[in-house]
Amino acid sequence: MRDYKKYDVWAKAHEFTLFIYKEVLIFFSINEKYDLMSQLKRATYSVPLNIVEGCGRNTDKDFVHFLDISLGSVQEA
């Protein structure tokens, strides 16, 4: 099992998630709260969570699969 905290990509994804929550989402209006804000939140926190999940897998193939999912979330955000 890999230690996700050793990966710079996880640290940067985590920092990005905190940035979105602290610096970006506060500017959204109430009308956007349940649509755009919700989608941005899900896409943002999906990136580091998928990296962590991939680190918990036993094969390189599974690990790469979850990194690919994370990449998709980055493109969505």
Protein backbone atom coordinates (compact mmCIF):
# COMPACT_ATOMS: atom_id res chain seq x y z
CA MET A 1 0.00 0.00 0.00
CA ARG A 2 1.31 3.44 -0.94
CA ASP A 3 1.46 6.46 1.37
CA TYR A 4 -0.58 9.16 -0.38
CA LYS A 5 1.01 11.91 1.74
CA LYS A 6 4.33 11.27 -0.02
CA TYR A 7 2.88 12.31 -3.38
CA ASP A 8 3.22 15.98 -4.31
CA VAL A 9 0.18 15.66 -6.55
CA TRP A 10 -1.97 14.74 -3.54
CA ALA A 11 -0.65 17.70 -1.52
CA LYS A 12 -1.35 20.09 -4.40
CA ALA A 13 -4.84 18.64 -4.94
CA HIS A 14 -5.55 19.02 -1.23
CA GLU A 15 -4.33 22.63 -1.26
CA PHE A 16 -6.46 23.31 -4.34
CA THR A 17 -9.54 21.90 -2.57
CA LEU A 18 -8.94 24.14 0.44
CA PHE A 19 -8.43 27.13 -1.86
CA ILE A 20 -11.72 26.50 -3.66
CA TYR A 21 -13.62 26.17 -0.39
CA LYS A 22 -12.01 29.19 1.31
CA GLU A 23 -11.43 31.61 -1.56
CA VAL A 24 -13.81 30.81 -4.41
CA LEU A 25 -17.07 29.36 -3.13
CA ILE A 26 -17.69 32.31 -0.81
CA PHE A 27 -18.36 34.48 -3.86
CA PHE A 28 -21.15 32.31 -5.26
CA SER A 29 -24.67 33.63 -4.99
CA ILE A 30 -27.52 31.81 -3.29
CA ASN A 31 -28.97 30.94 -6.70
CA GLU A 32 -25.80 29.06 -7.61
CA LYS A 33 -25.53 27.30 -4.27
CA TYR A 34 -27.27 24.08 -5.24
CA ASP A 35 -26.15 23.71 -8.83
CA LEU A 36 -22.81 25.14 -9.84
CA MET A 37 -21.39 25.31 -6.31
CA SER A 38 -22.34 21.72 -5.60
CA GLN A 39 -20.77 20.49 -8.83
CA LEU A 40 -17.55 22.43 -8.19
CA LYS A 41 -17.32 21.02 -4.66
CA ARG A 42 -17.76 17.43 -5.82
CA ALA A 43 -15.24 17.78 -8.66
CA THR A 44 -12.72 19.48 -6.39
CA TYR A 45 -12.68 17.08 -3.47
CA SER A 46 -12.90 14.10 -5.81
CA VAL A 47 -9.32 14.72 -6.97
CA PRO A 48 -7.43 14.08 -3.68
CA LEU A 49 -9.92 11.41 -2.58
CA ASN A 50 -9.36 9.36 -5.71
CA ILE A 51 -5.61 9.64 -5.26
CA VAL A 52 -5.98 8.32 -1.72
CA GLU A 53 -8.24 5.50 -2.87
CA GLY A 54 -5.78 4.57 -5.60
CA CYS A 55 -2.96 4.45 -3.06
CA GLY A 56 -4.96 1.91 -1.11
CA ARG A 57 -5.14 -0.48 -4.06
CA ASN A 58 -2.70 -3.33 -4.44
CA THR A 59 -1.82 -3.20 -8.12
CA ASP A 60 -0.22 -0.52 -10.25
CA LYS A 61 -3.06 -0.93 -12.74
CA ASP A 62 -5.66 -0.04 -10.09
CA PHE A 63 -3.54 2.85 -8.85
CA VAL A 64 -3.25 4.29 -12.36
CA HIS A 65 -7.00 3.83 -12.87
CA PHE A 66 -7.77 6.05 -9.87
CA LEU A 67 -5.21 8.62 -11.00
CA ASP A 68 -7.04 8.70 -14.32
CA ILE A 69 -10.33 9.30 -12.50
CA SER A 70 -8.67 12.17 -10.62
CA LEU A 71 -7.51 13.67 -13.89
CA GLY A 72 -11.08 13.58 -15.16
CA SER A 73 -12.22 15.44 -12.05
CA VAL A 74 -9.55 18.08 -12.59
CA GLN A 75 -10.83 18.65 -16.10
CA GLU A 76 -14.37 18.89 -14.76
CA ALA A 77 -13.46 21.54 -12.18
